PDB file of all heavy atoms in Angstrom:
ATOM      1  N   PRO A   1       0.832  -1.192  -0.001  1.00  0.00           N
ATOM      2  CA  PRO A   1       0.002   0.001   0.008  1.00  0.00           C
ATOM      3  C   PRO A   1       0.880   1.246   0.003  1.00  0.00           C
ATOM      4  O   PRO A   1       1.830   1.344   0.757  1.00  0.00           O
ATOM      5  CB  PRO A   1      -0.803  -0.100   1.308  1.00  0.00           C
ATOM      6  CG  PRO A   1      -0.540  -1.454   1.846  1.00  0.00           C
ATOM      7  CD  PRO A   1       0.651  -2.024   1.194  1.00  0.00           C
ATOM      8  N   LYS A   2       0.545   2.170  -0.870  1.00  0.00           N
ATOM      9  CA  LYS A   2       1.399   3.354  -1.071  1.00  0.00           C
ATOM     10  C   LYS A   2       1.646   4.128   0.208  1.00  0.00           C
ATOM     11  O   LYS A   2       2.753   4.622   0.456  1.00  0.00           O
ATOM     12  CB  LYS A   2       0.762   4.252  -2.130  1.00  0.00           C
ATOM     13  CG  LYS A   2       1.773   5.098  -2.893  1.00  0.00           C
ATOM     14  CD  LYS A   2       1.145   5.643  -4.173  1.00  0.00           C
ATOM     15  CE  LYS A   2       2.226   6.137  -5.126  1.00  0.00           C
ATOM     16  NZ  LYS A   2       1.675   6.584  -6.404  1.00  0.00           N
ATOM     17  N   LYS A   3       0.608   4.241   1.032  1.00  0.00           N
ATOM     18  CA  LYS A   3       0.750   4.998   2.286  1.00  0.00           C
ATOM     19  C   LYS A   3       0.667   4.093   3.509  1.00  0.00           C
ATOM     20  O   LYS A   3       0.384   4.585   4.613  1.00  0.00           O
ATOM     21  CB  LYS A   3      -0.276   6.109   2.326  1.00  0.00           C
ATOM     22  CG  LYS A   3      -0.083   7.162   1.259  1.00  0.00           C
ATOM     23  CD  LYS A   3      -1.062   8.309   1.417  1.00  0.00           C
ATOM     24  CE  LYS A   3      -0.865   9.350   0.304  1.00  0.00           C
ATOM     25  NZ  LYS A   3      -1.811  10.471   0.427  1.00  0.00           N
ATOM     26  N   GLY A   4       0.863   2.795   3.301  1.00  0.00           N
ATOM     27  CA  GLY A   4       0.904   1.879   4.438  1.00  0.00           C
ATOM     28  C   GLY A   4      -0.415   1.177   4.672  1.00  0.00           C
ATOM     29  O   GLY A   4      -1.474   1.581   4.198  1.00  0.00           O
ATOM     30  N   PHE A   5      -0.335   0.104   5.454  1.00  0.00           N
ATOM     31  CA  PHE A   5      -1.535  -0.703   5.748  1.00  0.00           C
ATOM     32  C   PHE A   5      -2.512   0.020   6.657  1.00  0.00           C
ATOM     33  O   PHE A   5      -3.715  -0.214   6.596  1.00  0.00           O
ATOM     34  CB  PHE A   5      -1.122  -2.036   6.362  1.00  0.00           C
ATOM     35  CG  PHE A   5      -0.530  -3.012   5.371  1.00  0.00           C
ATOM     36  CD1 PHE A   5       0.839  -3.221   5.334  1.00  0.00           C
ATOM     37  CD2 PHE A   5      -1.346  -3.689   4.489  1.00  0.00           C
ATOM     38  CE1 PHE A   5       1.393  -4.109   4.408  1.00  0.00           C
ATOM     39  CE2 PHE A   5      -0.807  -4.574   3.581  1.00  0.00           C
ATOM     40  CZ  PHE A   5       0.561  -4.783   3.531  1.00  0.00           C
ATOM     41  N   THR A   6      -1.984   0.910   7.515  1.00  0.00           N
ATOM     42  CA  THR A   6      -2.899   1.636   8.424  1.00  0.00           C
ATOM     43  C   THR A   6      -3.909   2.442   7.639  1.00  0.00           C
ATOM     44  O   THR A   6      -5.110   2.407   7.946  1.00  0.00           O
ATOM     45  CB  THR A   6      -2.086   2.558   9.365  1.00  0.00           C
ATOM     46  OG1 THR A   6      -1.178   1.762  10.122  1.00  0.00           O
ATOM     47  CG2 THR A   6      -3.011   3.329  10.295  1.00  0.00           C
ATOM     48  N   GLU A   7      -3.440   3.151   6.602  1.00  0.00           N
ATOM     49  CA  GLU A   7      -4.401   3.946   5.825  1.00  0.00           C
ATOM     50  C   GLU A   7      -5.363   3.068   5.041  1.00  0.00           C
ATOM     51  O   GLU A   7      -6.558   3.358   4.928  1.00  0.00           O
ATOM     52  CB  GLU A   7      -3.664   4.865   4.861  1.00  0.00           C
ATOM     53  CG  GLU A   7      -4.624   5.756   4.097  1.00  0.00           C
ATOM     54  CD  GLU A   7      -3.934   6.700   3.137  1.00  0.00           C
ATOM     55  OE1 GLU A   7      -3.579   7.815   3.556  1.00  0.00           O
ATOM     56  OE2 GLU A   7      -3.754   6.329   1.966  1.00  0.00           O
ATOM     57  N   LEU A   8      -4.856   1.947   4.512  1.00  0.00           N
ATOM     58  CA  LEU A   8      -5.743   1.021   3.801  1.00  0.00           C
ATOM     59  C   LEU A   8      -6.897   0.581   4.679  1.00  0.00           C
ATOM     60  O   LEU A   8      -8.074   0.630   4.288  1.00  0.00           O
ATOM     61  CB  LEU A   8      -4.924  -0.215   3.345  1.00  0.00           C
ATOM     62  CG  LEU A   8      -5.606  -1.261   2.464  1.00  0.00           C
ATOM     63  CD1 LEU A   8      -4.558  -2.069   1.692  1.00  0.00           C
ATOM     64  CD2 LEU A   8      -6.490  -2.233   3.251  1.00  0.00           C
ATOM     65  N   ILE A   9      -6.589   0.170   5.903  1.00  0.00           N
ATOM     66  CA  ILE A   9      -7.627  -0.332   6.804  1.00  0.00           C
ATOM     67  C   ILE A   9      -8.522   0.829   7.267  1.00  0.00           C
ATOM     68  O   ILE A   9      -9.746   0.652   7.391  1.00  0.00           O
ATOM     69  CB  ILE A   9      -7.002  -1.085   7.968  1.00  0.00           C
ATOM     70  CG1 ILE A   9      -6.322  -2.368   7.458  1.00  0.00           C
ATOM     71  CG2 ILE A   9      -8.033  -1.433   9.045  1.00  0.00           C
ATOM     72  CD1 ILE A   9      -5.452  -3.074   8.440  1.00  0.00           C
ATOM     73  N   ALA A  10      -7.926   1.984   7.518  1.00  0.00           N
ATOM     74  CA  ALA A  10      -8.736   3.145   7.899  1.00  0.00           C
ATOM     75  C   ALA A  10      -9.740   3.490   6.815  1.00  0.00           C
ATOM     76  O   ALA A  10     -10.903   3.812   7.099  1.00  0.00           O
ATOM     77  CB  ALA A  10      -7.823   4.346   8.196  1.00  0.00           C
ATOM     78  N   ASN A  11      -9.336   3.390   5.549  1.00  0.00           N
ATOM     79  CA  ASN A  11     -10.258   3.654   4.440  1.00  0.00           C
ATOM     80  C   ASN A  11     -11.375   2.610   4.380  1.00  0.00           C
ATOM     81  O   ASN A  11     -12.519   2.957   4.029  1.00  0.00           O
ATOM     82  CB  ASN A  11      -9.488   3.679   3.128  1.00  0.00           C
ATOM     83  CG  ASN A  11      -8.613   4.908   2.986  1.00  0.00           C
ATOM     84  OD1 ASN A  11      -8.841   5.905   3.655  1.00  0.00           O
ATOM     85  ND2 ASN A  11      -7.591   4.829   2.138  1.00  0.00           N
ATOM     86  N   MET A  12     -11.072   1.385   4.692  1.00  0.00           N
ATOM     87  CA  MET A  12     -12.101   0.341   4.705  1.00  0.00           C
ATOM     88  C   MET A  12     -13.124   0.613   5.799  1.00  0.00           C
ATOM     89  O   MET A  12     -14.331   0.348   5.645  1.00  0.00           O
ATOM     90  CB  MET A  12     -11.468  -1.028   4.951  1.00  0.00           C
ATOM     91  CG  MET A  12     -10.562  -1.505   3.827  1.00  0.00           C
ATOM     92  SD  MET A  12      -9.807  -3.132   4.202  1.00  0.00           S
ATOM     93  CE  MET A  12     -11.201  -4.208   3.907  1.00  0.00           C
ATOM     94  N   LEU A  13     -12.682   1.137   6.926  1.00  0.00           N
ATOM     95  CA  LEU A  13     -13.551   1.372   8.069  1.00  0.00           C
ATOM     96  C   LEU A  13     -14.317   2.673   7.990  1.00  0.00           C
ATOM     97  O   LEU A  13     -15.222   2.920   8.793  1.00  0.00           O
ATOM     98  CB  LEU A  13     -12.742   1.351   9.347  1.00  0.00           C
ATOM     99  CG  LEU A  13     -12.112  -0.003   9.729  1.00  0.00           C
ATOM    100  CD1 LEU A  13     -11.147   0.159  10.895  1.00  0.00           C
ATOM    101  CD2 LEU A  13     -13.171  -1.023  10.055  1.00  0.00           C
ATOM    102  N   CYS A  14     -13.956   3.506   7.011  1.00  0.00           N
ATOM    103  CA  CYS A  14     -14.597   4.818   6.867  1.00  0.00           C
ATOM    104  C   CYS A  14     -15.933   4.677   6.155  1.00  0.00           C
ATOM    105  O   CYS A  14     -16.066   4.923   4.938  1.00  0.00           O
ATOM    106  CB  CYS A  14     -13.663   5.757   6.123  1.00  0.00           C
ATOM    107  SG  CYS A  14     -14.284   7.455   6.053  1.00  0.00           S
ATOM    108  N   HIS A  15     -16.929   4.217   6.870  1.00  0.00           N
ATOM    109  CA  HIS A  15     -18.251   3.958   6.290  1.00  0.00           C
ATOM    110  C   HIS A  15     -19.304   4.291   7.351  1.00  0.00           C
ATOM    111  O   HIS A  15     -19.137   3.954   8.534  1.00  0.00           O
ATOM    112  CB  HIS A  15     -18.359   2.478   5.883  1.00  0.00           C
ATOM    113  CG  HIS A  15     -19.554   2.190   5.025  1.00  0.00           C
ATOM    114  ND1 HIS A  15     -20.824   2.118   5.545  1.00  0.00           N
ATOM    115  CD2 HIS A  15     -19.677   1.941   3.697  1.00  0.00           C
ATOM    116  CE1 HIS A  15     -21.685   1.839   4.567  1.00  0.00           C
ATOM    117  NE2 HIS A  15     -21.018   1.740   3.452  1.00  0.00           N
ATOM    118  N   PRO A  16     -20.393   4.948   6.955  1.00  0.00           N
ATOM    119  CA  PRO A  16     -21.381   5.380   7.959  1.00  0.00           C
ATOM    120  C   PRO A  16     -22.030   4.207   8.713  1.00  0.00           C
ATOM    121  O   PRO A  16     -22.567   4.421   9.786  1.00  0.00           O
ATOM    122  CB  PRO A  16     -22.430   6.135   7.101  1.00  0.00           C
ATOM    123  CG  PRO A  16     -22.182   5.719   5.684  1.00  0.00           C
ATOM    124  CD  PRO A  16     -20.726   5.398   5.590  1.00  0.00           C
ATOM    125  N   LYS A  17     -21.995   3.026   8.173  1.00  0.00           N
ATOM    126  CA  LYS A  17     -22.621   1.886   8.859  1.00  0.00           C
ATOM    127  C   LYS A  17     -21.645   1.136   9.780  1.00  0.00           C
ATOM    128  O   LYS A  17     -22.014   0.148  10.417  1.00  0.00           O
ATOM    129  CB  LYS A  17     -23.201   0.911   7.838  1.00  0.00           C
ATOM    130  CG  LYS A  17     -24.408   1.456   7.107  1.00  0.00           C
ATOM    131  CD  LYS A  17     -25.076   0.389   6.235  1.00  0.00           C
ATOM    132  CE  LYS A  17     -26.324   0.944   5.568  1.00  0.00           C
ATOM    133  NZ  LYS A  17     -27.010  -0.089   4.745  1.00  0.00           N
ATOM    134  N   ILE A  18     -20.405   1.644   9.845  1.00  0.00           N
ATOM    135  CA  ILE A  18     -19.418   0.980  10.701  1.00  0.00           C
ATOM    136  C   ILE A  18     -19.151   1.867  11.906  1.00  0.00           C
ATOM    137  O   ILE A  18     -18.841   3.047  11.787  1.00  0.00           O
ATOM    138  CB  ILE A  18     -18.099   0.726   9.934  1.00  0.00           C
ATOM    139  CG1 ILE A  18     -18.330  -0.272   8.820  1.00  0.00           C
ATOM    140  CG2 ILE A  18     -17.012   0.236  10.883  1.00  0.00           C
ATOM    141  CD1 ILE A  18     -17.097  -0.528   7.944  1.00  0.00           C
ATOM    142  N   ARG A  19     -19.275   1.271  13.096  1.00  0.00           N
ATOM    143  CA  ARG A  19     -18.916   1.978  14.357  1.00  0.00           C
ATOM    144  C   ARG A  19     -17.815   1.148  15.041  1.00  0.00           C
ATOM    145  O   ARG A  19     -17.922  -0.079  15.105  1.00  0.00           O
ATOM    146  CB  ARG A  19     -20.139   2.092  15.263  1.00  0.00           C
ATOM    147  CG  ARG A  19     -21.208   3.035  14.738  1.00  0.00           C
ATOM    148  CD  ARG A  19     -22.436   2.980  15.616  1.00  0.00           C
ATOM    149  NE  ARG A  19     -22.091   3.344  16.995  1.00  0.00           N
ATOM    150  CZ  ARG A  19     -22.812   2.950  18.056  1.00  0.00           C
ATOM    151  NH1 ARG A  19     -23.884   2.187  17.882  1.00  0.00           N
ATOM    152  NH2 ARG A  19     -22.459   3.316  19.270  1.00  0.00           N
ATOM    153  N   LEU A  20     -16.837   1.843  15.532  1.00  0.00           N
ATOM    154  CA  LEU A  20     -15.709   1.167  16.189  1.00  0.00           C
ATOM    155  C   LEU A  20     -15.760   1.403  17.702  1.00  0.00           C
ATOM    156  O   LEU A  20     -16.110   2.504  18.163  1.00  0.00           O
ATOM    157  CB  LEU A  20     -14.379   1.704  15.670  1.00  0.00           C
ATOM    158  CG  LEU A  20     -14.022   1.454  14.225  1.00  0.00           C
ATOM    159  CD1 LEU A  20     -12.680   2.079  13.904  1.00  0.00           C
ATOM    160  CD2 LEU A  20     -13.966  -0.058  13.946  1.00  0.00           C
ATOM    161  N   LYS A  21     -15.432   0.366  18.448  1.00  0.00           N
ATOM    162  CA  LYS A  21     -15.238   0.503  19.886  1.00  0.00           C
ATOM    163  C   LYS A  21     -13.901  -0.135  20.178  1.00  0.00           C
ATOM    164  O   LYS A  21     -13.788  -1.355  20.298  1.00  0.00           O
ATOM    165  CB  LYS A  21     -16.378  -0.166  20.653  1.00  0.00           C
ATOM    166  CG  LYS A  21     -16.459   0.240  22.105  1.00  0.00           C
ATOM    167  CD  LYS A  21     -17.713  -0.264  22.747  1.00  0.00           C
ATOM    168  CE  LYS A  21     -17.850   0.236  24.188  1.00  0.00           C
ATOM    169  NZ  LYS A  21     -18.023   1.681  24.281  1.00  0.00           N
ATOM    170  N   LEU A  22     -12.860   0.697  20.249  1.00  0.00           N
ATOM    171  CA  LEU A  22     -11.502   0.182  20.367  1.00  0.00           C
ATOM    172  C   LEU A  22     -11.094  -0.037  21.810  1.00  0.00           C
ATOM    173  O   LEU A  22     -11.735   0.496  22.751  1.00  0.00           O
ATOM    174  CB  LEU A  22     -10.526   1.181  19.711  1.00  0.00           C
ATOM    175  CG  LEU A  22     -10.764   1.463  18.216  1.00  0.00           C
ATOM    176  CD1 LEU A  22      -9.780   2.519  17.715  1.00  0.00           C
ATOM    177  CD2 LEU A  22     -10.647   0.189  17.409  1.00  0.00           C
ATOM    178  N   GLY A  23     -10.063  -0.833  22.016  1.00  0.00           N
ATOM    179  CA  GLY A  23      -9.552  -1.078  23.354  1.00  0.00           C
ATOM    180  C   GLY A  23     -10.565  -1.743  24.270  1.00  0.00           C
ATOM    181  O   GLY A  23     -10.585  -1.520  25.475  1.00  0.00           O
ATOM    182  N   THR A  24     -11.429  -2.557  23.689  1.00  0.00           N
ATOM    183  CA  THR A  24     -12.525  -3.152  24.443  1.00  0.00           C
ATOM    184  C   THR A  24     -12.582  -4.655  24.209  1.00  0.00           C
ATOM    185  O   THR A  24     -12.560  -5.099  23.050  1.00  0.00           O
ATOM    186  CB  THR A  24     -13.881  -2.542  24.036  1.00  0.00           C
ATOM    187  OG1 THR A  24     -13.803  -1.123  24.211  1.00  0.00           O
ATOM    188  CG2 THR A  24     -15.024  -3.097  24.859  1.00  0.00           C
ATOM    189  N   ASP A  25     -12.639  -5.428  25.246  1.00  0.00           N
ATOM    190  CA  ASP A  25     -12.782  -6.867  25.124  1.00  0.00           C
ATOM    191  C   ASP A  25     -14.228  -7.177  24.695  1.00  0.00           C
ATOM    192  O   ASP A  25     -15.182  -6.841  25.386  1.00  0.00           O
ATOM    193  CB  ASP A  25     -12.492  -7.520  26.492  1.00  0.00           C
ATOM    194  CG  ASP A  25     -12.486  -9.046  26.424  1.00  0.00           C
ATOM    195  OD1 ASP A  25     -13.005  -9.599  25.441  1.00  0.00           O
ATOM    196  OD2 ASP A  25     -11.988  -9.672  27.378  1.00  0.00           O
ATOM    197  N   ALA A  26     -14.353  -7.835  23.528  1.00  0.00           N
ATOM    198  CA  ALA A  26     -15.680  -8.138  22.990  1.00  0.00           C
ATOM    199  C   ALA A  26     -16.525  -8.953  23.957  1.00  0.00           C
ATOM    200  O   ALA A  26     -17.763  -8.810  23.991  1.00  0.00           O
ATOM    201  CB  ALA A  26     -15.561  -8.875  21.656  1.00  0.00           C
ATOM    202  N   THR A  27     -15.888  -9.805  24.764  1.00  0.00           N
ATOM    203  CA  THR A  27     -16.668 -10.680  25.655  1.00  0.00           C
ATOM    204  C   THR A  27     -17.299  -9.923  26.814  1.00  0.00           C
ATOM    205  O   THR A  27     -18.102 -10.486  27.570  1.00  0.00           O
ATOM    206  CB  THR A  27     -15.785 -11.829  26.192  1.00  0.00           C
ATOM    207  OG1 THR A  27     -14.644 -11.293  26.889  1.00  0.00           O
ATOM    208  CG2 THR A  27     -15.309 -12.709  25.054  1.00  0.00           C
ATOM    209  N   ARG A  28     -16.951  -8.621  26.975  1.00  0.00           N
ATOM    210  CA  ARG A  28     -17.685  -7.796  27.932  1.00  0.00           C
ATOM    211  C   ARG A  28     -19.118  -7.546  27.479  1.00  0.00           C
ATOM    212  O   ARG A  28     -20.018  -7.293  28.290  1.00  0.00           O
ATOM    213  CB  ARG A  28     -16.995  -6.451  28.111  1.00  0.00           C
ATOM    214  CG  ARG A  28     -15.764  -6.491  29.016  1.00  0.00           C
ATOM    215  CD  ARG A  28     -15.094  -5.138  29.089  1.00  0.00           C
ATOM    216  NE  ARG A  28     -16.020  -4.063  29.422  1.00  0.00           N
ATOM    217  CZ  ARG A  28     -15.704  -2.773  29.382  1.00  0.00           C
ATOM    218  NH1 ARG A  28     -14.502  -2.385  28.973  1.00  0.00           N
ATOM    219  NH2 ARG A  28     -16.589  -1.848  29.722  1.00  0.00           N
ATOM    220  N   TYR A  29     -19.342  -7.622  26.171  1.00  0.00           N
ATOM    221  CA  TYR A  29     -20.655  -7.317  25.589  1.00  0.00           C
ATOM    222  C   TYR A  29     -21.301  -8.555  24.979  1.00  0.00           C
ATOM    223  O   TYR A  29     -22.517  -8.637  24.886  1.00  0.00           O
ATOM    224  CB  TYR A  29     -20.514  -6.230  24.517  1.00  0.00           C
ATOM    225  CG  TYR A  29     -20.012  -4.931  25.039  1.00  0.00           C
ATOM    226  CD1 TYR A  29     -18.642  -4.664  25.104  1.00  0.00           C
ATOM    227  CD2 TYR A  29     -20.890  -3.946  25.467  1.00  0.00           C
ATOM    228  CE1 TYR A  29     -18.178  -3.461  25.600  1.00  0.00           C
ATOM    229  CE2 TYR A  29     -20.440  -2.740  25.970  1.00  0.00           C
ATOM    230  CZ  TYR A  29     -19.074  -2.498  26.040  1.00  0.00           C
ATOM    231  OH  TYR A  29     -18.619  -1.314  26.507  1.00  0.00           O
ATOM    232  N   LEU A  30     -20.461  -9.483  24.522  1.00  0.00           N
ATOM    233  CA  LEU A  30     -20.957 -10.615  23.746  1.00  0.00           C
ATOM    234  C   LEU A  30     -20.932 -11.882  24.626  1.00  0.00           C
ATOM    235  O   LEU A  30     -19.922 -12.175  25.257  1.00  0.00           O
ATOM    236  CB  LEU A  30     -20.046 -10.822  22.529  1.00  0.00           C
ATOM    237  CG  LEU A  30     -20.380 -11.960  21.584  1.00  0.00           C
ATOM    238  CD1 LEU A  30     -21.694 -11.706  20.848  1.00  0.00           C
ATOM    239  CD2 LEU A  30     -19.246 -12.131  20.564  1.00  0.00           C
ATOM    240  N   ALA A  31     -22.038 -12.613  24.619  1.00  0.00           N
ATOM    241  CA  ALA A  31     -22.120 -13.857  25.392  1.00  0.00           C
ATOM    242  C   ALA A  31     -22.851 -14.921  24.566  1.00  0.00           C
ATOM    243  O   ALA A  31     -23.777 -14.602  23.824  1.00  0.00           O
ATOM    244  CB  ALA A  31     -22.812 -13.637  26.715  1.00  0.00           C
ATOM    245  N   LEU A  32     -22.426 -16.158  24.685  1.00  0.00           N
ATOM    246  CA  LEU A  32     -23.048 -17.269  23.976  1.00  0.00           C
ATOM    247  C   LEU A  32     -23.555 -18.255  25.023  1.00  0.00           C
ATOM    248  O   LEU A  32     -22.808 -18.715  25.894  1.00  0.00           O
ATOM    249  CB  LEU A  32     -22.001 -17.947  23.079  1.00  0.00           C
ATOM    250  CG  LEU A  32     -21.231 -17.043  22.116  1.00  0.00           C
ATOM    251  CD1 LEU A  32     -20.148 -17.812  21.381  1.00  0.00           C
ATOM    252  CD2 LEU A  32     -22.175 -16.404  21.112  1.00  0.00           C
ATOM    253  N   TYR A  33     -24.842 -18.604  24.887  1.00  0.00           N
ATOM    254  CA  TYR A  33     -25.420 -19.503  25.905  1.00  0.00           C
ATOM    255  C   TYR A  33     -26.589 -20.293  25.303  1.00  0.00           C
ATOM    256  O   TYR A  33     -27.515 -19.727  24.728  1.00  0.00           O
ATOM    257  CB  TYR A  33     -25.921 -18.668  27.107  1.00  0.00           C
ATOM    258  CG  TYR A  33     -26.433 -19.501  28.258  1.00  0.00           C
ATOM    259  CD1 TYR A  33     -25.545 -20.261  29.042  1.00  0.00           C
ATOM    260  CD2 TYR A  33     -27.791 -19.524  28.555  1.00  0.00           C
ATOM    261  CE1 TYR A  33     -26.039 -21.011  30.099  1.00  0.00           C
ATOM    262  CE2 TYR A  33     -28.276 -20.263  29.618  1.00  0.00           C
ATOM    263  CZ  TYR A  33     -27.400 -21.012  30.370  1.00  0.00           C
ATOM    264  OH  TYR A  33     -27.879 -21.767  31.424  1.00  0.00           O
ATOM    265  N   ASN A  34     -26.490 -21.611  25.406  1.00  0.00           N
ATOM    266  CA  ASN A  34     -27.573 -22.509  24.943  1.00  0.00           C
ATOM    267  C   ASN A  34     -28.039 -22.217  23.530  1.00  0.00           C
ATOM    268  O   ASN A  34     -29.231 -22.152  23.229  1.00  0.00           O
ATOM    269  CB  ASN A  34     -28.772 -22.463  25.890  1.00  0.00           C
ATOM    270  CG  ASN A  34     -28.522 -23.234  27.172  1.00  0.00           C
ATOM    271  OD1 ASN A  34     -27.549 -23.998  27.255  1.00  0.00           O
ATOM    272  ND2 ASN A  34     -29.349 -23.058  28.163  1.00  0.00           N
ATOM    273  N   GLY A  35     -27.104 -22.008  22.611  1.00  0.00           N
ATOM    274  CA  GLY A  35     -27.440 -21.797  21.207  1.00  0.00           C
ATOM    275  C   GLY A  35     -27.923 -20.397  20.884  1.00  0.00           C
ATOM    276  O   GLY A  35     -28.308 -20.133  19.740  1.00  0.00           O
ATOM    277  N   LYS A  36     -27.886 -19.506  21.854  1.00  0.00           N
ATOM    278  CA  LYS A  36     -28.346 -18.139  21.643  1.00  0.00           C
ATOM    279  C   LYS A  36     -27.205 -17.148  21.865  1.00  0.00           C
ATOM    280  O   LYS A  36     -26.334 -17.375  22.708  1.00  0.00           O
ATOM    281  CB  LYS A  36     -29.509 -17.797  22.558  1.00  0.00           C
ATOM    282  CG  LYS A  36     -30.780 -18.581  22.271  1.00  0.00           C
ATOM    283  CD  LYS A  36     -31.913 -18.195  23.177  1.00  0.00           C
ATOM    284  CE  LYS A  36     -33.178 -19.000  22.880  1.00  0.00           C
ATOM    285  NZ  LYS A  36     -34.305 -18.616  23.783  1.00  0.00           N
ATOM    286  N   ILE A  37     -27.237 -16.055  21.082  1.00  0.00           N
ATOM    287  CA  ILE A  37     -26.214 -15.005  21.192  1.00  0.00           C
ATOM    288  C   ILE A  37     -26.823 -13.834  21.962  1.00  0.00           C
ATOM    289  O   ILE A  37     -27.948 -13.410  21.702  1.00  0.00           O
ATOM    290  CB  ILE A  37     -25.777 -14.544  19.794  1.00  0.00           C
ATOM    291  CG1 ILE A  37     -25.122 -15.730  19.021  1.00  0.00           C
ATOM    292  CG2 ILE A  37     -24.791 -13.396  19.902  1.00  0.00           C
ATOM    293  CD1 ILE A  37     -24.784 -15.380  17.584  1.00  0.00           C
ATOM    294  N   TYR A  38     -26.066 -13.323  22.932  1.00  0.00           N
ATOM    295  CA  TYR A  38     -26.523 -12.182  23.715  1.00  0.00           C
ATOM    296  C   TYR A  38     -25.532 -11.032  23.547  1.00  0.00           C
ATOM    297  O   TYR A  38     -24.326 -11.213  23.544  1.00  0.00           O
ATOM    298  CB  TYR A  38     -26.619 -12.574  25.206  1.00  0.00           C
ATOM    299  CG  TYR A  38     -27.660 -13.621  25.464  1.00  0.00           C
ATOM    300  CD1 TYR A  38     -27.365 -14.975  25.370  1.00  0.00           C
ATOM    301  CD2 TYR A  38     -28.959 -13.244  25.801  1.00  0.00           C
ATOM    302  CE1 TYR A  38     -28.330 -15.930  25.596  1.00  0.00           C
ATOM    303  CE2 TYR A  38     -29.941 -14.198  26.045  1.00  0.00           C
ATOM    304  CZ  TYR A  38     -29.610 -15.540  25.929  1.00  0.00           C
ATOM    305  OH  TYR A  38     -30.579 -16.495  26.152  1.00  0.00           O
ATOM    306  N   TRP A  39     -26.121  -9.826  23.357  1.00  0.00           N
ATOM    307  CA  TRP A  39     -25.309  -8.621  23.229  1.00  0.00           C
ATOM    308  C   TRP A  39     -25.758  -7.648  24.309  1.00  0.00           C
ATOM    309  O   TRP A  39     -26.936  -7.277  24.362  1.00  0.00           O
ATOM    310  CB  TRP A  39     -25.496  -8.003  21.828  1.00  0.00           C
ATOM    311  CG  TRP A  39     -24.693  -6.746  21.634  1.00  0.00           C
ATOM    312  CD1 TRP A  39     -25.164  -5.471  21.633  1.00  0.00           C
ATOM    313  CD2 TRP A  39     -23.277  -6.660  21.435  1.00  0.00           C
ATOM    314  NE1 TRP A  39     -24.131  -4.586  21.421  1.00  0.00           N
ATOM    315  CE2 TRP A  39     -22.931  -5.281  21.305  1.00  0.00           C
ATOM    316  CE3 TRP A  39     -22.258  -7.601  21.346  1.00  0.00           C
ATOM    317  CZ2 TRP A  39     -21.655  -4.842  21.095  1.00  0.00           C
ATOM    318  CZ3 TRP A  39     -20.966  -7.147  21.130  1.00  0.00           C
ATOM    319  CH2 TRP A  39     -20.659  -5.793  21.004  1.00  0.00           C
ATOM    320  N   GLN A  40     -24.860  -7.302  25.200  1.00  0.00           N
ATOM    321  CA  GLN A  40     -25.159  -6.454  26.343  1.00  0.00           C
ATOM    322  C   GLN A  40     -26.347  -7.004  27.144  1.00  0.00           C
ATOM    323  O   GLN A  40     -27.214  -6.262  27.578  1.00  0.00           O
ATOM    324  CB  GLN A  40     -25.419  -5.007  25.903  1.00  0.00           C
ATOM    325  CG  GLN A  40     -24.176  -4.332  25.319  1.00  0.00           C
ATOM    326  CD  GLN A  40     -24.411  -2.875  24.961  1.00  0.00           C
ATOM    327  OE1 GLN A  40     -25.269  -2.580  24.141  1.00  0.00           O
ATOM    328  NE2 GLN A  40     -23.670  -1.972  25.582  1.00  0.00           N
ATOM    329  N   GLY A  41     -26.342  -8.316  27.295  1.00  0.00           N
ATOM    330  CA  GLY A  41     -27.335  -8.982  28.126  1.00  0.00           C
ATOM    331  C   GLY A  41     -28.654  -9.272  27.464  1.00  0.00           C
ATOM    332  O   GLY A  41     -29.521  -9.928  28.050  1.00  0.00           O
TER     333      GLY A  41
END
């Protein structure tokens, strides 16, 4: 990539339907139990 991989990925993420929550363990919000997926409980 001409300006590096960071810019490539930043351009991929630059979309109104994408929201980022960085520095966060996904399992704080995501749980799997008995075939069902739970998000924030």
